[in-house]
Amino acid sequence: MRQRLRAQLVVLSSLLLTGACSYKESAPATASDDPPMASNDTLAFAQAACGGCHAVEPGHLSPSPGAPRWEDIVNREGLSEATLASWLYDAHNYPEMMDFDLERARAEEITAYMLAMRSDDYKPLPE
């Protein structure tokens, strides 16, 4: 019960922070700048549960400087669908501030959405 309440508080806090901290880089929009396709439910969940710290859409900066952007994560060499899905589903390996559980189906949705951000011409943002 306590863990569920904590997870709900994390989601609620993320919702509040997402609106205040989201930032879109100013770059001219092109057809390739379109965000990956995700259901409204998947994107809303990602923004609520993860967007308080991570940039969950391409071209955005993470609200928390220590949290990598999702497009940085999925463009790491060696990352596979299996390793990402497994990491998302296994909450035991999350940092303490990410203490919540994902249902397997939700982890698979988030994995598919994140992997759609892969790009052959990906370049990390300058530090």
N, C-alpha and C. Protein backbone atom coordinates (compact mmCIF):
# COMPACT_ATOMS: atom_id res chain seq x y z
N MET A 1 0.82 -1.19 0.00
CA MET A 1 0.00 0.00 0.00
C MET A 1 0.87 1.25 0.00
N ARG A 2 1.89 1.24 0.87
CA ARG A 2 2.76 2.41 0.97
C ARG A 2 3.52 2.64 -0.34
N GLN A 3 3.97 1.54 -0.96
CA GLN A 3 4.71 1.67 -2.22
C GLN A 3 3.79 2.21 -3.32
N ARG A 4 2.55 1.77 -3.33
CA ARG A 4 1.59 2.25 -4.32
C ARG A 4 1.31 3.75 -4.12
N LEU A 5 1.15 4.16 -2.87
CA LEU A 5 0.93 5.58 -2.57
C LEU A 5 2.14 6.39 -3.01
N ARG A 6 3.32 5.87 -2.74
CA ARG A 6 4.55 6.57 -3.15
C ARG A 6 4.60 6.71 -4.66
N ALA A 7 4.25 5.65 -5.39
CA ALA A 7 4.24 5.70 -6.85
C ALA A 7 3.23 6.73 -7.34
N GLN A 8 2.08 6.79 -6.72
CA GLN A 8 1.07 7.77 -7.11
C GLN A 8 1.57 9.19 -6.85
N LEU A 9 2.28 9.40 -5.76
CA LEU A 9 2.84 10.71 -5.48
C LEU A 9 3.92 11.08 -6.50
N VAL A 10 4.71 10.11 -6.90
CA VAL A 10 5.73 10.37 -7.93
C VAL A 10 5.06 10.79 -9.23
N VAL A 11 4.02 10.08 -9.62
CA VAL A 11 3.30 10.41 -10.86
C VAL A 11 2.68 11.80 -10.75
N LEU A 12 2.03 12.09 -9.63
CA LEU A 12 1.42 13.40 -9.45
C LEU A 12 2.47 14.51 -9.48
N SER A 13 3.59 14.31 -8.80
CA SER A 13 4.67 15.30 -8.82
C SER A 13 5.19 15.50 -10.23
N SER A 14 5.33 14.40 -10.95
CA SER A 14 5.81 14.49 -12.33
C SER A 14 4.85 15.28 -13.19
N LEU A 15 3.56 15.07 -12.99
CA LEU A 15 2.56 15.84 -13.75
C LEU A 15 2.73 17.33 -13.51
N LEU A 16 2.91 17.70 -12.26
CA LEU A 16 3.07 19.11 -11.93
C LEU A 16 4.36 19.67 -12.49
N LEU A 17 5.44 18.91 -12.42
CA LEU A 17 6.73 19.38 -12.91
C LEU A 17 6.82 19.40 -14.42
N THR A 18 6.14 18.47 -15.08
CA THR A 18 6.23 18.38 -16.54
C THR A 18 5.81 19.68 -17.20
N GLY A 19 4.71 20.24 -16.78
CA GLY A 19 4.25 21.48 -17.38
C GLY A 19 5.18 22.64 -17.09
N ALA A 20 5.79 22.65 -15.94
CA ALA A 20 6.65 23.77 -15.57
C ALA A 20 8.06 23.63 -16.13
N CYS A 21 8.49 22.42 -16.45
CA CYS A 21 9.89 22.23 -16.80
C CYS A 21 10.13 21.83 -18.25
N SER A 22 9.12 21.53 -19.03
CA SER A 22 9.35 21.11 -20.40
C SER A 22 9.89 22.28 -21.21
N TYR A 23 10.82 21.98 -22.07
CA TYR A 23 11.46 23.00 -22.89
C TYR A 23 11.73 22.43 -24.26
N LYS A 24 11.29 23.06 -25.29
CA LYS A 24 11.53 22.62 -26.65
C LYS A 24 12.65 23.46 -27.22
N GLU A 25 13.69 22.79 -27.74
CA GLU A 25 14.79 23.53 -28.34
C GLU A 25 14.27 24.33 -29.52
N SER A 26 14.84 25.49 -29.74
CA SER A 26 14.41 26.28 -30.87
C SER A 26 15.23 25.90 -32.09
N ALA A 27 14.64 25.10 -32.93
CA ALA A 27 15.25 24.69 -34.18
C ALA A 27 14.14 24.65 -35.22
N PRO A 28 14.47 24.95 -36.46
CA PRO A 28 13.41 24.91 -37.47
C PRO A 28 12.84 23.50 -37.59
N ALA A 29 11.54 23.43 -37.67
CA ALA A 29 10.87 22.14 -37.77
C ALA A 29 11.00 21.61 -39.19
N THR A 30 11.28 20.32 -39.28
CA THR A 30 11.31 19.63 -40.56
C THR A 30 10.48 18.37 -40.41
N ALA A 31 10.26 17.70 -41.52
CA ALA A 31 9.46 16.48 -41.46
C ALA A 31 10.10 15.45 -40.53
N SER A 32 11.44 15.41 -40.46
CA SER A 32 12.10 14.42 -39.61
C SER A 32 12.02 14.79 -38.13
N ASP A 33 11.56 16.00 -37.81
CA ASP A 33 11.43 16.41 -36.42
C ASP A 33 10.13 15.93 -35.79
N ASP A 34 9.28 15.27 -36.56
CA ASP A 34 8.03 14.78 -36.02
C ASP A 34 8.32 13.80 -34.89
N PRO A 35 7.60 13.92 -33.78
CA PRO A 35 7.82 12.97 -32.69
C PRO A 35 7.41 11.58 -33.11
N PRO A 36 8.00 10.56 -32.48
CA PRO A 36 7.58 9.20 -32.80
C PRO A 36 6.12 9.00 -32.44
N MET A 37 5.51 8.07 -33.11
CA MET A 37 4.10 7.80 -32.86
C MET A 37 3.94 7.05 -31.54
N ALA A 38 3.01 7.47 -30.78
CA ALA A 38 2.65 6.79 -29.53
C ALA A 38 1.18 7.06 -29.31
N SER A 39 0.53 6.12 -28.66
CA SER A 39 -0.86 6.37 -28.34
C SER A 39 -0.91 7.54 -27.36
N ASN A 40 -2.03 8.23 -27.32
CA ASN A 40 -2.18 9.33 -26.38
C ASN A 40 -1.96 8.85 -24.95
N ASP A 41 -2.44 7.64 -24.66
CA ASP A 41 -2.30 7.06 -23.33
C ASP A 41 -0.83 6.81 -22.99
N THR A 42 -0.06 6.26 -23.94
CA THR A 42 1.35 5.97 -23.70
C THR A 42 2.13 7.27 -23.49
N LEU A 43 1.90 8.24 -24.35
CA LEU A 43 2.61 9.51 -24.22
C LEU A 43 2.22 10.22 -22.93
N ALA A 44 0.94 10.22 -22.59
CA ALA A 44 0.49 10.85 -21.34
C ALA A 44 1.13 10.17 -20.14
N PHE A 45 1.18 8.85 -20.17
CA PHE A 45 1.82 8.12 -19.07
C PHE A 45 3.30 8.47 -18.98
N ALA A 46 3.99 8.49 -20.12
CA ALA A 46 5.41 8.82 -20.13
C ALA A 46 5.66 10.22 -19.59
N GLN A 47 4.85 11.15 -20.01
CA GLN A 47 5.01 12.52 -19.52
C GLN A 47 4.75 12.60 -18.02
N ALA A 48 3.73 11.90 -17.55
CA ALA A 48 3.36 11.96 -16.14
C ALA A 48 4.36 11.21 -15.25
N ALA A 49 4.76 10.03 -15.66
CA ALA A 49 5.60 9.19 -14.81
C ALA A 49 7.09 9.49 -14.96
N CYS A 50 7.49 9.97 -16.12
CA CYS A 50 8.93 10.10 -16.41
C CYS A 50 9.34 11.53 -16.78
N GLY A 51 8.39 12.30 -17.29
CA GLY A 51 8.69 13.63 -17.82
C GLY A 51 9.08 14.67 -16.79
N GLY A 52 8.91 14.39 -15.51
CA GLY A 52 9.35 15.33 -14.49
C GLY A 52 10.87 15.39 -14.40
N CYS A 53 11.53 14.34 -14.87
CA CYS A 53 13.00 14.30 -14.85
C CYS A 53 13.59 14.18 -16.26
N HIS A 54 12.99 13.31 -17.08
CA HIS A 54 13.52 13.02 -18.41
C HIS A 54 12.77 13.77 -19.51
N ALA A 55 13.48 14.11 -20.58
CA ALA A 55 12.82 14.57 -21.80
C ALA A 55 12.30 13.31 -22.48
N VAL A 56 10.99 13.19 -22.60
CA VAL A 56 10.39 11.99 -23.16
C VAL A 56 9.97 12.18 -24.61
N GLU A 57 10.24 13.35 -25.17
CA GLU A 57 9.96 13.62 -26.57
C GLU A 57 11.23 14.13 -27.23
N PRO A 58 11.43 13.80 -28.50
CA PRO A 58 12.64 14.26 -29.19
C PRO A 58 12.72 15.78 -29.22
N GLY A 59 13.93 16.28 -29.14
CA GLY A 59 14.15 17.71 -29.24
C GLY A 59 13.93 18.49 -27.97
N HIS A 60 13.53 17.83 -26.91
CA HIS A 60 13.32 18.50 -25.62
C HIS A 60 14.54 18.29 -24.74
N LEU A 61 14.72 19.17 -23.78
CA LEU A 61 15.76 19.02 -22.77
C LEU A 61 15.13 18.43 -21.52
N SER A 62 15.88 17.60 -20.83
CA SER A 62 15.39 17.02 -19.58
C SER A 62 15.26 18.11 -18.52
N PRO A 63 14.14 18.12 -17.79
CA PRO A 63 13.97 19.09 -16.72
C PRO A 63 15.03 18.93 -15.62
N SER A 64 15.47 17.71 -15.42
CA SER A 64 16.50 17.43 -14.42
C SER A 64 17.83 17.22 -15.15
N PRO A 65 18.81 18.06 -14.90
CA PRO A 65 20.08 17.96 -15.62
C PRO A 65 20.76 16.59 -15.50
N GLY A 66 20.53 15.86 -14.43
CA GLY A 66 21.15 14.55 -14.26
C GLY A 66 20.42 13.42 -14.95
N ALA A 67 19.24 13.69 -15.49
CA ALA A 67 18.44 12.64 -16.13
C ALA A 67 18.64 12.69 -17.64
N PRO A 68 19.09 11.61 -18.24
CA PRO A 68 19.31 11.64 -19.69
C PRO A 68 18.00 11.76 -20.46
N ARG A 69 18.09 12.41 -21.59
CA ARG A 69 16.94 12.47 -22.51
C ARG A 69 16.71 11.06 -23.05
N TRP A 70 15.47 10.73 -23.33
CA TRP A 70 15.18 9.40 -23.85
C TRP A 70 15.86 9.16 -25.19
N GLU A 71 15.96 10.20 -26.03
CA GLU A 71 16.62 9.96 -27.31
C GLU A 71 18.11 9.72 -27.12
N ASP A 72 18.71 10.24 -26.04
CA ASP A 72 20.11 9.93 -25.74
C ASP A 72 20.23 8.46 -25.31
N ILE A 73 19.28 8.00 -24.54
CA ILE A 73 19.30 6.61 -24.05
C ILE A 73 19.20 5.63 -25.21
N VAL A 74 18.22 5.83 -26.08
CA VAL A 74 17.98 4.83 -27.14
C VAL A 74 19.01 4.87 -28.26
N ASN A 75 19.78 5.92 -28.32
CA ASN A 75 20.82 6.00 -29.34
C ASN A 75 22.19 5.56 -28.82
N ARG A 76 22.20 4.97 -27.62
CA ARG A 76 23.45 4.42 -27.09
C ARG A 76 23.81 3.14 -27.82
N GLU A 77 25.07 3.01 -28.11
CA GLU A 77 25.55 1.80 -28.78
C GLU A 77 25.31 0.58 -27.89
N GLY A 78 24.81 -0.47 -28.50
CA GLY A 78 24.60 -1.72 -27.79
C GLY A 78 23.23 -1.88 -27.15
N LEU A 79 22.45 -0.80 -27.08
CA LEU A 79 21.11 -0.92 -26.50
C LEU A 79 20.22 -1.70 -27.46
N SER A 80 19.50 -2.66 -26.94
CA SER A 80 18.58 -3.43 -27.77
C SER A 80 17.17 -3.33 -27.21
N GLU A 81 16.21 -3.74 -28.00
CA GLU A 81 14.83 -3.76 -27.53
C GLU A 81 14.71 -4.63 -26.28
N ALA A 82 15.38 -5.78 -26.31
CA ALA A 82 15.30 -6.70 -25.18
C ALA A 82 15.91 -6.10 -23.91
N THR A 83 17.07 -5.46 -24.04
CA THR A 83 17.71 -4.91 -22.84
C THR A 83 16.91 -3.73 -22.28
N LEU A 84 16.37 -2.90 -23.16
CA LEU A 84 15.58 -1.76 -22.69
C LEU A 84 14.29 -2.23 -22.02
N ALA A 85 13.57 -3.14 -22.66
CA ALA A 85 12.32 -3.65 -22.09
C ALA A 85 12.58 -4.33 -20.75
N SER A 86 13.64 -5.10 -20.67
CA SER A 86 13.97 -5.78 -19.43
C SER A 86 14.29 -4.77 -18.33
N TRP A 87 15.05 -3.73 -18.66
CA TRP A 87 15.39 -2.72 -17.66
C TRP A 87 14.15 -1.98 -17.18
N LEU A 88 13.27 -1.63 -18.10
CA LEU A 88 12.05 -0.92 -17.72
C LEU A 88 11.13 -1.79 -16.87
N TYR A 89 11.08 -3.07 -17.17
CA TYR A 89 10.18 -3.95 -16.44
C TYR A 89 10.73 -4.32 -15.06
N ASP A 90 12.05 -4.34 -14.91
CA ASP A 90 12.67 -4.76 -13.66
C ASP A 90 12.94 -3.55 -12.77
N ALA A 91 11.97 -3.15 -11.98
CA ALA A 91 12.07 -1.95 -11.15
C ALA A 91 13.18 -2.04 -10.10
N HIS A 92 13.70 -3.23 -9.86
CA HIS A 92 14.75 -3.37 -8.85
C HIS A 92 16.04 -2.67 -9.24
N ASN A 93 16.22 -2.40 -10.54
CA ASN A 93 17.46 -1.76 -10.96
C ASN A 93 17.31 -0.24 -11.12
N TYR A 94 16.15 0.29 -10.85
CA TYR A 94 15.94 1.74 -10.97
C TYR A 94 16.69 2.48 -9.87
N PRO A 95 17.12 3.70 -10.19
CA PRO A 95 17.60 4.55 -9.10
C PRO A 95 16.46 4.79 -8.10
N GLU A 96 16.79 5.16 -6.88
CA GLU A 96 15.78 5.30 -5.83
C GLU A 96 14.64 6.23 -6.21
N MET A 97 14.94 7.32 -6.92
CA MET A 97 13.88 8.28 -7.26
C MET A 97 12.91 7.74 -8.32
N MET A 98 13.26 6.61 -8.92
CA MET A 98 12.37 5.99 -9.91
C MET A 98 11.69 4.77 -9.32
N ASP A 99 11.31 4.83 -8.09
CA ASP A 99 10.76 3.68 -7.38
C ASP A 99 9.29 3.46 -7.71
N PHE A 100 9.04 2.85 -8.86
CA PHE A 100 7.69 2.44 -9.20
C PHE A 100 7.79 1.23 -10.12
N ASP A 101 6.70 0.52 -10.27
CA ASP A 101 6.68 -0.69 -11.09
C ASP A 101 5.89 -0.43 -12.36
N LEU A 102 6.34 -1.04 -13.43
CA LEU A 102 5.61 -1.00 -14.70
C LEU A 102 5.07 -2.38 -15.00
N GLU A 103 3.83 -2.43 -15.41
CA GLU A 103 3.27 -3.69 -15.92
C GLU A 103 4.05 -4.04 -17.18
N ARG A 104 4.15 -5.32 -17.49
CA ARG A 104 4.91 -5.75 -18.67
C ARG A 104 4.38 -5.08 -19.94
N ALA A 105 3.07 -4.99 -20.11
CA ALA A 105 2.50 -4.37 -21.31
C ALA A 105 2.90 -2.89 -21.40
N ARG A 106 2.89 -2.20 -20.27
CA ARG A 106 3.27 -0.77 -20.26
C ARG A 106 4.76 -0.64 -20.60
N ALA A 107 5.59 -1.51 -20.04
CA ALA A 107 7.02 -1.48 -20.34
C ALA A 107 7.26 -1.69 -21.83
N GLU A 108 6.49 -2.58 -22.43
CA GLU A 108 6.63 -2.83 -23.88
C GLU A 108 6.18 -1.62 -24.70
N GLU A 109 5.11 -0.95 -24.28
CA GLU A 109 4.65 0.27 -24.97
C GLU A 109 5.71 1.36 -24.90
N ILE A 110 6.26 1.57 -23.71
CA ILE A 110 7.27 2.60 -23.52
C ILE A 110 8.52 2.25 -24.32
N THR A 111 8.90 0.97 -24.33
CA THR A 111 10.06 0.54 -25.11
C THR A 111 9.87 0.86 -26.58
N ALA A 112 8.72 0.51 -27.13
CA ALA A 112 8.46 0.78 -28.55
C ALA A 112 8.50 2.28 -28.84
N TYR A 113 7.90 3.07 -27.97
CA TYR A 113 7.91 4.52 -28.15
C TYR A 113 9.33 5.06 -28.09
N MET A 114 10.10 4.62 -27.11
CA MET A 114 11.48 5.11 -26.98
C MET A 114 12.32 4.71 -28.19
N LEU A 115 12.20 3.47 -28.64
CA LEU A 115 13.02 3.00 -29.76
C LEU A 115 12.68 3.71 -31.06
N ALA A 116 11.47 4.26 -31.15
CA ALA A 116 11.11 5.04 -32.34
C ALA A 116 11.91 6.34 -32.42
N MET A 117 12.60 6.70 -31.34
CA MET A 117 13.44 7.90 -31.33
C MET A 117 14.84 7.65 -31.87
N ARG A 118 15.15 6.41 -32.20
CA ARG A 118 16.48 6.12 -32.76
C ARG A 118 16.63 6.84 -34.09
N SER A 119 17.84 7.28 -34.33
CA SER A 119 18.10 8.01 -35.57
C SER A 119 19.52 7.75 -36.04
N ASP A 120 19.66 7.50 -37.35
CA ASP A 120 20.99 7.31 -37.92
C ASP A 120 21.82 8.58 -37.84
N ASP A 121 21.18 9.76 -37.85
CA ASP A 121 21.91 11.01 -37.77
C ASP A 121 21.82 11.64 -36.38
N TYR A 122 21.63 10.82 -35.37
CA TYR A 122 21.58 11.31 -33.99
C TYR A 122 22.91 11.95 -33.60
N LYS A 123 22.79 13.08 -32.94
CA LYS A 123 23.96 13.74 -32.36
C LYS A 123 23.56 14.21 -30.96
N PRO A 124 24.36 13.85 -29.95
CA PRO A 124 24.02 14.31 -28.60
C PRO A 124 24.14 15.82 -28.51
N LEU A 125 23.40 16.40 -27.60
CA LEU A 125 23.49 17.84 -27.39
C LEU A 125 24.84 18.18 -26.79
N PRO A 126 25.40 19.31 -27.15
CA PRO A 126 26.68 19.70 -26.52
C PRO A 126 26.48 19.96 -25.03
N GLU A 127 27.48 19.62 -24.27
CA GLU A 127 27.38 19.81 -22.81
C GLU A 127 27.68 21.21 -22.41
